[in-house]
Amino acid sequence: TIELKTNFLRTTLAGTIGCEATLVHGGRTTQIWDATVSDAD
């Protein structure tokens, strides 16, 4: 990893959180990934 950034929108204290990560750029020397972390709802 050479860089990462996260914007937090809300929190939760219990339950299961989920994540979907998506490849935005898959080059020969770099990859860029976006992920959204969601609460149980």
PDB file of all heavy atoms in Angstrom:
ATOM      1  N   THR A   1       0.843  -1.192   0.000  1.00  0.00           N
ATOM      2  CA  THR A   1       0.000   0.000   0.000  1.00  0.00           C
ATOM      3  C   THR A   1       0.877   1.240   0.000  1.00  0.00           C
ATOM      4  O   THR A   1       1.793   1.357   0.810  1.00  0.00           O
ATOM      5  CB  THR A   1      -0.912   0.010   1.241  1.00  0.00           C
ATOM      6  OG1 THR A   1      -1.674  -1.196   1.265  1.00  0.00           O
ATOM      7  CG2 THR A   1      -1.844   1.211   1.232  1.00  0.00           C
ATOM      8  N   ILE A   2       0.585   2.173  -0.916  1.00  0.00           N
ATOM      9  CA  ILE A   2       1.339   3.418  -0.941  1.00  0.00           C
ATOM     10  C   ILE A   2       0.492   4.618  -0.531  1.00  0.00           C
ATOM     11  O   ILE A   2       1.034   5.669  -0.218  1.00  0.00           O
ATOM     12  CB  ILE A   2       2.030   3.666  -2.305  1.00  0.00           C
ATOM     13  CG1 ILE A   2       1.051   3.648  -3.461  1.00  0.00           C
ATOM     14  CG2 ILE A   2       3.135   2.646  -2.516  1.00  0.00           C
ATOM     15  CD1 ILE A   2       1.686   3.999  -4.819  1.00  0.00           C
ATOM     16  N   GLU A   3      -0.833   4.452  -0.502  1.00  0.00           N
ATOM     17  CA  GLU A   3      -1.694   5.528  -0.012  1.00  0.00           C
ATOM     18  C   GLU A   3      -3.055   4.949   0.344  1.00  0.00           C
ATOM     19  O   GLU A   3      -3.543   4.035  -0.317  1.00  0.00           O
ATOM     20  CB  GLU A   3      -1.865   6.609  -1.082  1.00  0.00           C
ATOM     21  CG  GLU A   3      -2.703   7.778  -0.628  1.00  0.00           C
ATOM     22  CD  GLU A   3      -2.829   8.865  -1.685  1.00  0.00           C
ATOM     23  OE1 GLU A   3      -2.907   8.550  -2.880  1.00  0.00           O
ATOM     24  OE2 GLU A   3      -2.862  10.038  -1.288  1.00  0.00           O
ATOM     25  N   LEU A   4      -3.650   5.498   1.404  1.00  0.00           N
ATOM     26  CA  LEU A   4      -5.035   5.169   1.714  1.00  0.00           C
ATOM     27  C   LEU A   4      -5.711   6.354   2.363  1.00  0.00           C
ATOM     28  O   LEU A   4      -5.073   7.200   2.967  1.00  0.00           O
ATOM     29  CB  LEU A   4      -5.159   3.906   2.570  1.00  0.00           C
ATOM     30  CG  LEU A   4      -4.539   3.842   3.956  1.00  0.00           C
ATOM     31  CD1 LEU A   4      -5.387   4.528   5.016  1.00  0.00           C
ATOM     32  CD2 LEU A   4      -4.366   2.387   4.332  1.00  0.00           C
ATOM     33  N   LYS A   5      -7.027   6.391   2.188  1.00  0.00           N
ATOM     34  CA  LYS A   5      -7.836   7.477   2.740  1.00  0.00           C
ATOM     35  C   LYS A   5      -9.198   6.919   3.095  1.00  0.00           C
ATOM     36  O   LYS A   5      -9.735   6.076   2.386  1.00  0.00           O
ATOM     37  CB  LYS A   5      -7.999   8.590   1.706  1.00  0.00           C
ATOM     38  CG  LYS A   5      -8.870   9.744   2.167  1.00  0.00           C
ATOM     39  CD  LYS A   5      -9.065  10.744   1.066  1.00  0.00           C
ATOM     40  CE  LYS A   5      -9.875  11.961   1.444  1.00  0.00           C
ATOM     41  NZ  LYS A   5     -10.593  11.995   2.653  1.00  0.00           N
ATOM     42  N   THR A   6      -9.759   7.411   4.197  1.00  0.00           N
ATOM     43  CA  THR A   6     -11.086   6.989   4.614  1.00  0.00           C
ATOM     44  C   THR A   6     -11.899   8.197   5.038  1.00  0.00           C
ATOM     45  O   THR A   6     -11.409   9.050   5.784  1.00  0.00           O
ATOM     46  CB  THR A   6     -11.003   6.006   5.805  1.00  0.00           C
ATOM     47  OG1 THR A   6     -10.124   4.939   5.468  1.00  0.00           O
ATOM     48  CG2 THR A   6     -12.373   5.447   6.147  1.00  0.00           C
ATOM     49  N   ASN A   7     -13.132   8.261   4.550  1.00  0.00           N
ATOM     50  CA  ASN A   7     -14.106   9.242   5.019  1.00  0.00           C
ATOM     51  C   ASN A   7     -15.145   8.486   5.838  1.00  0.00           C
ATOM     52  O   ASN A   7     -15.748   7.536   5.338  1.00  0.00           O
ATOM     53  CB  ASN A   7     -14.799   9.959   3.856  1.00  0.00           C
ATOM     54  CG  ASN A   7     -13.858  10.868   3.112  1.00  0.00           C
ATOM     55  OD1 ASN A   7     -13.378  10.515   2.052  1.00  0.00           O
ATOM     56  ND2 ASN A   7     -13.601  12.033   3.657  1.00  0.00           N
ATOM     57  N   PHE A   8     -15.353   8.923   7.076  1.00  0.00           N
ATOM     58  CA  PHE A   8     -16.312   8.273   7.968  1.00  0.00           C
ATOM     59  C   PHE A   8     -17.629   9.039   7.929  1.00  0.00           C
ATOM     60  O   PHE A   8     -17.644  10.266   8.048  1.00  0.00           O
ATOM     61  CB  PHE A   8     -15.758   8.210   9.391  1.00  0.00           C
ATOM     62  CG  PHE A   8     -14.539   7.345   9.483  1.00  0.00           C
ATOM     63  CD1 PHE A   8     -13.265   7.892   9.381  1.00  0.00           C
ATOM     64  CD2 PHE A   8     -14.654   5.978   9.635  1.00  0.00           C
ATOM     65  CE1 PHE A   8     -12.133   7.096   9.445  1.00  0.00           C
ATOM     66  CE2 PHE A   8     -13.533   5.158   9.695  1.00  0.00           C
ATOM     67  CZ  PHE A   8     -12.270   5.730   9.599  1.00  0.00           C
ATOM     68  N   LEU A   9     -18.725   8.304   7.772  1.00  0.00           N
ATOM     69  CA  LEU A   9     -20.043   8.906   7.645  1.00  0.00           C
ATOM     70  C   LEU A   9     -20.905   8.716   8.888  1.00  0.00           C
ATOM     71  O   LEU A   9     -21.754   9.546   9.199  1.00  0.00           O
ATOM     72  CB  LEU A   9     -20.775   8.308   6.434  1.00  0.00           C
ATOM     73  CG  LEU A   9     -19.985   8.324   5.128  1.00  0.00           C
ATOM     74  CD1 LEU A   9     -20.734   7.560   4.050  1.00  0.00           C
ATOM     75  CD2 LEU A   9     -19.708   9.752   4.696  1.00  0.00           C
ATOM     76  N   ARG A  10     -20.725   7.593   9.563  1.00  0.00           N
ATOM     77  CA  ARG A  10     -21.486   7.264  10.772  1.00  0.00           C
ATOM     78  C   ARG A  10     -20.768   6.144  11.490  1.00  0.00           C
ATOM     79  O   ARG A  10     -19.801   5.599  10.987  1.00  0.00           O
ATOM     80  CB  ARG A  10     -22.927   6.872  10.443  1.00  0.00           C
ATOM     81  CG  ARG A  10     -23.068   5.588   9.645  1.00  0.00           C
ATOM     82  CD  ARG A  10     -24.513   5.163   9.382  1.00  0.00           C
ATOM     83  NE  ARG A  10     -25.435   6.216   9.089  1.00  0.00           N
ATOM     84  CZ  ARG A  10     -25.656   6.731   7.865  1.00  0.00           C
ATOM     85  NH1 ARG A  10     -24.998   6.248   6.834  1.00  0.00           N
ATOM     86  NH2 ARG A  10     -26.521   7.691   7.681  1.00  0.00           N
ATOM     87  N   THR A  11     -21.275   5.790  12.643  1.00  0.00           N
ATOM     88  CA  THR A  11     -20.698   4.687  13.401  1.00  0.00           C
ATOM     89  C   THR A  11     -21.796   3.711  13.804  1.00  0.00           C
ATOM     90  O   THR A  11     -22.977   3.963  13.578  1.00  0.00           O
ATOM     91  CB  THR A  11     -19.915   5.186  14.641  1.00  0.00           C
ATOM     92  OG1 THR A  11     -19.134   4.108  15.162  1.00  0.00           O
ATOM     93  CG2 THR A  11     -20.840   5.735  15.709  1.00  0.00           C
ATOM     94  N   THR A  12     -21.403   2.629  14.378  1.00  0.00           N
ATOM     95  CA  THR A  12     -22.297   1.653  14.978  1.00  0.00           C
ATOM     96  C   THR A  12     -21.532   0.993  16.103  1.00  0.00           C
ATOM     97  O   THR A  12     -20.299   1.042  16.128  1.00  0.00           O
ATOM     98  CB  THR A  12     -22.800   0.624  13.933  1.00  0.00           C
ATOM     99  OG1 THR A  12     -23.845  -0.164  14.501  1.00  0.00           O
ATOM    100  CG2 THR A  12     -21.690  -0.277  13.452  1.00  0.00           C
ATOM    101  N   LEU A  13     -22.249   0.388  17.022  1.00  0.00           N
ATOM    102  CA  LEU A  13     -21.583  -0.199  18.185  1.00  0.00           C
ATOM    103  C   LEU A  13     -21.720  -1.709  18.260  1.00  0.00           C
ATOM    104  O   LEU A  13     -21.030  -2.355  19.038  1.00  0.00           O
ATOM    105  CB  LEU A  13     -22.126   0.432  19.472  1.00  0.00           C
ATOM    106  CG  LEU A  13     -21.917   1.936  19.593  1.00  0.00           C
ATOM    107  CD1 LEU A  13     -22.568   2.451  20.859  1.00  0.00           C
ATOM    108  CD2 LEU A  13     -20.447   2.295  19.549  1.00  0.00           C
ATOM    109  N   ALA A  14     -22.618  -2.269  17.471  1.00  0.00           N
ATOM    110  CA  ALA A  14     -22.855  -3.715  17.570  1.00  0.00           C
ATOM    111  C   ALA A  14     -23.337  -4.238  16.224  1.00  0.00           C
ATOM    112  O   ALA A  14     -23.686  -3.475  15.325  1.00  0.00           O
ATOM    113  CB  ALA A  14     -23.890  -3.996  18.654  1.00  0.00           C
ATOM    114  N   GLY A  15     -23.345  -5.551  16.104  1.00  0.00           N
ATOM    115  CA  GLY A  15     -23.817  -6.180  14.878  1.00  0.00           C
ATOM    116  C   GLY A  15     -22.667  -6.516  13.950  1.00  0.00           C
ATOM    117  O   GLY A  15     -21.500  -6.534  14.341  1.00  0.00           O
ATOM    118  N   THR A  16     -23.019  -6.770  12.724  1.00  0.00           N
ATOM    119  CA  THR A  16     -22.031  -7.123  11.710  1.00  0.00           C
ATOM    120  C   THR A  16     -21.925  -5.984  10.710  1.00  0.00           C
ATOM    121  O   THR A  16     -22.930  -5.511  10.200  1.00  0.00           O
ATOM    122  CB  THR A  16     -22.454  -8.413  10.971  1.00  0.00           C
ATOM    123  OG1 THR A  16     -22.555  -9.466  11.938  1.00  0.00           O
ATOM    124  CG2 THR A  16     -21.444  -8.799   9.911  1.00  0.00           C
ATOM    125  N   ILE A  17     -20.699  -5.544  10.474  1.00  0.00           N
ATOM    126  CA  ILE A  17     -20.482  -4.558   9.422  1.00  0.00           C
ATOM    127  C   ILE A  17     -19.969  -5.294   8.188  1.00  0.00           C
ATOM    128  O   ILE A  17     -19.301  -6.321   8.295  1.00  0.00           O
ATOM    129  CB  ILE A  17     -19.542  -3.410   9.856  1.00  0.00           C
ATOM    130  CG1 ILE A  17     -18.156  -3.909  10.251  1.00  0.00           C
ATOM    131  CG2 ILE A  17     -20.172  -2.626  11.010  1.00  0.00           C
ATOM    132  CD1 ILE A  17     -17.155  -2.786  10.560  1.00  0.00           C
ATOM    133  N   GLY A  18     -20.329  -4.772   7.036  1.00  0.00           N
ATOM    134  CA  GLY A  18     -19.933  -5.401   5.786  1.00  0.00           C
ATOM    135  C   GLY A  18     -19.106  -4.462   4.938  1.00  0.00           C
ATOM    136  O   GLY A  18     -19.101  -3.247   5.151  1.00  0.00           O
ATOM    137  N   CYS A  19     -18.416  -5.037   3.977  1.00  0.00           N
ATOM    138  CA  CYS A  19     -17.550  -4.254   3.096  1.00  0.00           C
ATOM    139  C   CYS A  19     -17.636  -4.804   1.684  1.00  0.00           C
ATOM    140  O   CYS A  19     -17.618  -6.022   1.479  1.00  0.00           O
ATOM    141  CB  CYS A  19     -16.108  -4.330   3.594  1.00  0.00           C
ATOM    142  SG  CYS A  19     -14.939  -3.444   2.542  1.00  0.00           S
ATOM    143  N   GLU A  20     -17.714  -3.898   0.722  1.00  0.00           N
ATOM    144  CA  GLU A  20     -17.581  -4.276  -0.680  1.00  0.00           C
ATOM    145  C   GLU A  20     -16.437  -3.463  -1.268  1.00  0.00           C
ATOM    146  O   GLU A  20     -16.490  -2.236  -1.274  1.00  0.00           O
ATOM    147  CB  GLU A  20     -18.859  -4.020  -1.457  1.00  0.00           C
ATOM    148  CG  GLU A  20     -18.702  -4.410  -2.930  1.00  0.00           C
ATOM    149  CD  GLU A  20     -19.992  -4.308  -3.709  1.00  0.00           C
ATOM    150  OE1 GLU A  20     -20.879  -5.137  -3.460  1.00  0.00           O
ATOM    151  OE2 GLU A  20     -20.092  -3.388  -4.540  1.00  0.00           O
ATOM    152  N   ALA A  21     -15.417  -4.151  -1.729  1.00  0.00           N
ATOM    153  CA  ALA A  21     -14.235  -3.522  -2.332  1.00  0.00           C
ATOM    154  C   ALA A  21     -14.277  -3.757  -3.835  1.00  0.00           C
ATOM    155  O   ALA A  21     -14.568  -4.862  -4.287  1.00  0.00           O
ATOM    156  CB  ALA A  21     -12.961  -4.111  -1.740  1.00  0.00           C
ATOM    157  N   THR A  22     -13.978  -2.704  -4.592  1.00  0.00           N
ATOM    158  CA  THR A  22     -14.051  -2.768  -6.046  1.00  0.00           C
ATOM    159  C   THR A  22     -12.771  -2.227  -6.662  1.00  0.00           C
ATOM    160  O   THR A  22     -12.292  -1.153  -6.276  1.00  0.00           O
ATOM    161  CB  THR A  22     -15.241  -1.928  -6.550  1.00  0.00           C
ATOM    162  OG1 THR A  22     -16.423  -2.361  -5.885  1.00  0.00           O
ATOM    163  CG2 THR A  22     -15.428  -2.076  -8.039  1.00  0.00           C
ATOM    164  N   LEU A  23     -12.245  -2.960  -7.619  1.00  0.00           N
ATOM    165  CA  LEU A  23     -11.061  -2.517  -8.357  1.00  0.00           C
ATOM    166  C   LEU A  23     -11.461  -1.383  -9.297  1.00  0.00           C
ATOM    167  O   LEU A  23     -12.322  -1.545 -10.152  1.00  0.00           O
ATOM    168  CB  LEU A  23     -10.479  -3.688  -9.155  1.00  0.00           C
ATOM    169  CG  LEU A  23      -9.245  -3.392 -10.010  1.00  0.00           C
ATOM    170  CD1 LEU A  23      -8.061  -2.972  -9.150  1.00  0.00           C
ATOM    171  CD2 LEU A  23      -8.897  -4.623 -10.850  1.00  0.00           C
ATOM    172  N   VAL A  24     -10.832  -0.224  -9.127  1.00  0.00           N
ATOM    173  CA  VAL A  24     -11.090   0.948  -9.964  1.00  0.00           C
ATOM    174  C   VAL A  24     -10.084   1.021 -11.104  1.00  0.00           C
ATOM    175  O   VAL A  24     -10.424   1.380 -12.227  1.00  0.00           O
ATOM    176  CB  VAL A  24     -11.035   2.239  -9.118  1.00  0.00           C
ATOM    177  CG1 VAL A  24     -11.200   3.471  -9.976  1.00  0.00           C
ATOM    178  CG2 VAL A  24     -12.083   2.194  -8.015  1.00  0.00           C
ATOM    179  N   HIS A  25      -8.841   0.673 -10.796  1.00  0.00           N
ATOM    180  CA  HIS A  25      -7.756   0.714 -11.793  1.00  0.00           C
ATOM    181  C   HIS A  25      -6.835  -0.466 -11.530  1.00  0.00           C
ATOM    182  O   HIS A  25      -6.332  -0.628 -10.421  1.00  0.00           O
ATOM    183  CB  HIS A  25      -6.974   2.030 -11.669  1.00  0.00           C
ATOM    184  CG  HIS A  25      -5.669   2.028 -12.393  1.00  0.00           C
ATOM    185  ND1 HIS A  25      -5.571   2.126 -13.763  1.00  0.00           N
ATOM    186  CD2 HIS A  25      -4.402   1.929 -11.934  1.00  0.00           C
ATOM    187  CE1 HIS A  25      -4.295   2.084 -14.108  1.00  0.00           C
ATOM    188  NE2 HIS A  25      -3.561   1.965 -13.015  1.00  0.00           N
ATOM    189  N   GLY A  26      -6.622  -1.287 -12.539  1.00  0.00           N
ATOM    190  CA  GLY A  26      -5.720  -2.422 -12.419  1.00  0.00           C
ATOM    191  C   GLY A  26      -4.620  -2.329 -13.465  1.00  0.00           C
ATOM    192  O   GLY A  26      -4.723  -2.945 -14.514  1.00  0.00           O
ATOM    193  N   GLY A  27      -3.608  -1.531 -13.170  1.00  0.00           N
ATOM    194  CA  GLY A  27      -2.519  -1.341 -14.120  1.00  0.00           C
ATOM    195  C   GLY A  27      -1.360  -2.301 -13.892  1.00  0.00           C
ATOM    196  O   GLY A  27      -1.403  -3.169 -13.027  1.00  0.00           O
ATOM    197  N   ARG A  28      -0.306  -2.119 -14.675  1.00  0.00           N
ATOM    198  CA  ARG A  28       0.883  -2.967 -14.551  1.00  0.00           C
ATOM    199  C   ARG A  28       1.688  -2.648 -13.302  1.00  0.00           C
ATOM    200  O   ARG A  28       2.356  -3.506 -12.754  1.00  0.00           O
ATOM    201  CB  ARG A  28       1.784  -2.811 -15.781  1.00  0.00           C
ATOM    202  CG  ARG A  28       1.219  -3.403 -17.049  1.00  0.00           C
ATOM    203  CD  ARG A  28       2.166  -3.285 -18.250  1.00  0.00           C
ATOM    204  NE  ARG A  28       2.519  -1.889 -18.532  1.00  0.00           N
ATOM    205  CZ  ARG A  28       3.739  -1.374 -18.359  1.00  0.00           C
ATOM    206  NH1 ARG A  28       4.725  -2.124 -17.946  1.00  0.00           N
ATOM    207  NH2 ARG A  28       3.964  -0.108 -18.626  1.00  0.00           N
ATOM    208  N   THR A  29       1.617  -1.375 -12.849  1.00  0.00           N
ATOM    209  CA  THR A  29       2.437  -0.972 -11.699  1.00  0.00           C
ATOM    210  C   THR A  29       1.622  -0.541 -10.487  1.00  0.00           C
ATOM    211  O   THR A  29       2.160  -0.500  -9.381  1.00  0.00           O
ATOM    212  CB  THR A  29       3.400   0.170 -12.085  1.00  0.00           C
ATOM    213  OG1 THR A  29       2.637   1.280 -12.569  1.00  0.00           O
ATOM    214  CG2 THR A  29       4.379  -0.284 -13.163  1.00  0.00           C
ATOM    215  N   THR A  30       0.376  -0.171 -10.693  1.00  0.00           N
ATOM    216  CA  THR A  30      -0.470   0.229  -9.562  1.00  0.00           C
ATOM    217  C   THR A  30      -1.884  -0.328  -9.711  1.00  0.00           C
ATOM    218  O   THR A  30      -2.334  -0.648 -10.816  1.00  0.00           O
ATOM    219  CB  THR A  30      -0.588   1.760  -9.423  1.00  0.00           C
ATOM    220  OG1 THR A  30      -1.152   2.303 -10.610  1.00  0.00           O
ATOM    221  CG2 THR A  30       0.755   2.404  -9.124  1.00  0.00           C
ATOM    222  N   GLN A  31      -2.542  -0.429  -8.569  1.00  0.00           N
ATOM    223  CA  GLN A  31      -3.968  -0.742  -8.513  1.00  0.00           C
ATOM    224  C   GLN A  31      -4.617   0.295  -7.598  1.00  0.00           C
ATOM    225  O   GLN A  31      -4.009   0.709  -6.603  1.00  0.00           O
ATOM    226  CB  GLN A  31      -4.221  -2.128  -7.918  1.00  0.00           C
ATOM    227  CG  GLN A  31      -3.719  -3.278  -8.737  1.00  0.00           C
ATOM    228  CD  GLN A  31      -4.058  -4.613  -8.086  1.00  0.00           C
ATOM    229  OE1 GLN A  31      -4.798  -4.705  -7.117  1.00  0.00           O
ATOM    230  NE2 GLN A  31      -3.485  -5.673  -8.628  1.00  0.00           N
ATOM    231  N   ILE A  32      -5.831   0.691  -7.934  1.00  0.00           N
ATOM    232  CA  ILE A  32      -6.614   1.559  -7.061  1.00  0.00           C
ATOM    233  C   ILE A  32      -7.906   0.819  -6.730  1.00  0.00           C
ATOM    234  O   ILE A  32      -8.587   0.313  -7.620  1.00  0.00           O
ATOM    235  CB  ILE A  32      -6.920   2.921  -7.712  1.00  0.00           C
ATOM    236  CG1 ILE A  32      -5.611   3.661  -8.006  1.00  0.00           C
ATOM    237  CG2 ILE A  32      -7.839   3.754  -6.811  1.00  0.00           C
ATOM    238  CD1 ILE A  32      -5.780   4.942  -8.784  1.00  0.00           C
ATOM    239  N   TRP A  33      -8.192   0.768  -5.425  1.00  0.00           N
ATOM    240  CA  TRP A  33      -9.379   0.081  -4.920  1.00  0.00           C
ATOM    241  C   TRP A  33     -10.242   1.039  -4.126  1.00  0.00           C
ATOM    242  O   TRP A  33      -9.730   1.851  -3.357  1.00  0.00           O
ATOM    243  CB  TRP A  33      -8.960  -1.082  -4.010  1.00  0.00           C
ATOM    244  CG  TRP A  33      -8.428  -2.249  -4.770  1.00  0.00           C
ATOM    245  CD1 TRP A  33      -7.155  -2.401  -5.268  1.00  0.00           C
ATOM    246  CD2 TRP A  33      -9.148  -3.410  -5.151  1.00  0.00           C
ATOM    247  NE1 TRP A  33      -7.063  -3.593  -5.930  1.00  0.00           N
ATOM    248  CE2 TRP A  33      -8.269  -4.242  -5.867  1.00  0.00           C
ATOM    249  CE3 TRP A  33     -10.457  -3.844  -4.941  1.00  0.00           C
ATOM    250  CZ2 TRP A  33      -8.656  -5.472  -6.379  1.00  0.00           C
ATOM    251  CZ3 TRP A  33     -10.842  -5.075  -5.449  1.00  0.00           C
ATOM    252  CH2 TRP A  33      -9.946  -5.872  -6.160  1.00  0.00           C
ATOM    253  N   ASP A  34     -11.550   0.958  -4.318  1.00  0.00           N
ATOM    254  CA  ASP A  34     -12.524   1.669  -3.499  1.00  0.00           C
ATOM    255  C   ASP A  34     -13.292   0.642  -2.689  1.00  0.00           C
ATOM    256  O   ASP A  34     -13.590  -0.451  -3.186  1.00  0.00           O
ATOM    257  CB  ASP A  34     -13.530   2.437  -4.360  1.00  0.00           C
ATOM    258  CG  ASP A  34     -12.978   3.741  -4.911  1.00  0.00           C
ATOM    259  OD1 ASP A  34     -11.920   4.202  -4.438  1.00  0.00           O
ATOM    260  OD2 ASP A  34     -13.616   4.303  -5.813  1.00  0.00           O
ATOM    261  N   ALA A  35     -13.639   1.001  -1.455  1.00  0.00           N
ATOM    262  CA  ALA A  35     -14.437   0.114  -0.616  1.00  0.00           C
ATOM    263  C   ALA A  35     -15.465   0.946   0.139  1.00  0.00           C
ATOM    264  O   ALA A  35     -15.184   2.070   0.561  1.00  0.00           O
ATOM    265  CB  ALA A  35     -13.553  -0.648   0.365  1.00  0.00           C
ATOM    266  N   THR A  36     -16.630   0.365   0.303  1.00  0.00           N
ATOM    267  CA  THR A  36     -17.669   0.954   1.138  1.00  0.00           C
ATOM    268  C   THR A  36     -17.923  -0.007   2.290  1.00  0.00           C
ATOM    269  O   THR A  36     -18.179  -1.191   2.068  1.00  0.00           O
ATOM    270  CB  THR A  36     -18.970   1.172   0.342  1.00  0.00           C
ATOM    271  OG1 THR A  36     -18.706   2.043  -0.760  1.00  0.00           O
ATOM    272  CG2 THR A  36     -20.053   1.774   1.224  1.00  0.00           C
ATOM    273  N   VAL A  37     -17.820   0.516   3.508  1.00  0.00           N
ATOM    274  CA  VAL A  37     -18.138  -0.259   4.701  1.00  0.00           C
ATOM    275  C   VAL A  37     -19.522   0.183   5.157  1.00  0.00           C
ATOM    276  O   VAL A  37     -19.790   1.386   5.277  1.00  0.00           O
ATOM    277  CB  VAL A  37     -17.094  -0.034   5.819  1.00  0.00           C
ATOM    278  CG1 VAL A  37     -17.479  -0.795   7.076  1.00  0.00           C
ATOM    279  CG2 VAL A  37     -15.708  -0.446   5.337  1.00  0.00           C
ATOM    280  N   SER A  38     -20.399  -0.795   5.394  1.00  0.00           N
ATOM    281  CA  SER A  38     -21.787  -0.509   5.746  1.00  0.00           C
ATOM    282  C   SER A  38     -22.159  -1.150   7.071  1.00  0.00           C
ATOM    283  O   SER A  38     -21.609  -2.186   7.450  1.00  0.00           O
ATOM    284  CB  SER A  38     -22.726  -1.046   4.656  1.00  0.00           C
ATOM    285  OG  SER A  38     -22.413  -0.453   3.410  1.00  0.00           O
ATOM    286  N   ASP A  39     -23.144  -0.541   7.747  1.00  0.00           N
ATOM    287  CA  ASP A  39     -23.626  -1.110   9.003  1.00  0.00           C
ATOM    288  C   ASP A  39     -24.577  -2.270   8.727  1.00  0.00           C
ATOM    289  O   ASP A  39     -24.838  -2.618   7.570  1.00  0.00           O
ATOM    290  CB  ASP A  39     -24.260  -0.031   9.885  1.00  0.00           C
ATOM    291  CG  ASP A  39     -25.527   0.583   9.320  1.00  0.00           C
ATOM    292  OD1 ASP A  39     -26.131   0.026   8.371  1.00  0.00           O
ATOM    293  OD2 ASP A  39     -25.941   1.644   9.844  1.00  0.00           O
ATOM    294  N   ALA A  40     -25.119  -2.859   9.768  1.00  0.00           N
ATOM    295  CA  ALA A  40     -25.979  -4.037   9.639  1.00  0.00           C
ATOM    296  C   ALA A  40     -27.244  -3.749   8.836  1.00  0.00           C
ATOM    297  O   ALA A  40     -27.833  -4.665   8.257  1.00  0.00           O
ATOM    298  CB  ALA A  40     -26.339  -4.573  11.021  1.00  0.00           C
ATOM    299  N   ASP A  41     -27.652  -2.489   8.770  1.00  0.00           N
ATOM    300  CA  ASP A  41     -28.829  -2.104   7.985  1.00  0.00           C
ATOM    301  C   ASP A  41     -28.483  -1.746   6.543  1.00  0.00           C
ATOM    302  O   ASP A  41     -29.350  -1.336   5.779  1.00  0.00           O
ATOM    303  CB  ASP A  41     -29.538  -0.914   8.641  1.00  0.00           C
ATOM    304  CG  ASP A  41     -30.110  -1.271  10.009  1.00  0.00           C
ATOM    305  OD1 ASP A  41     -30.565  -2.423  10.176  1.00  0.00           O
ATOM    306  OD2 ASP A  41     -30.095  -0.406  10.898  1.00  0.00           O
TER     307      ASP A  41
END
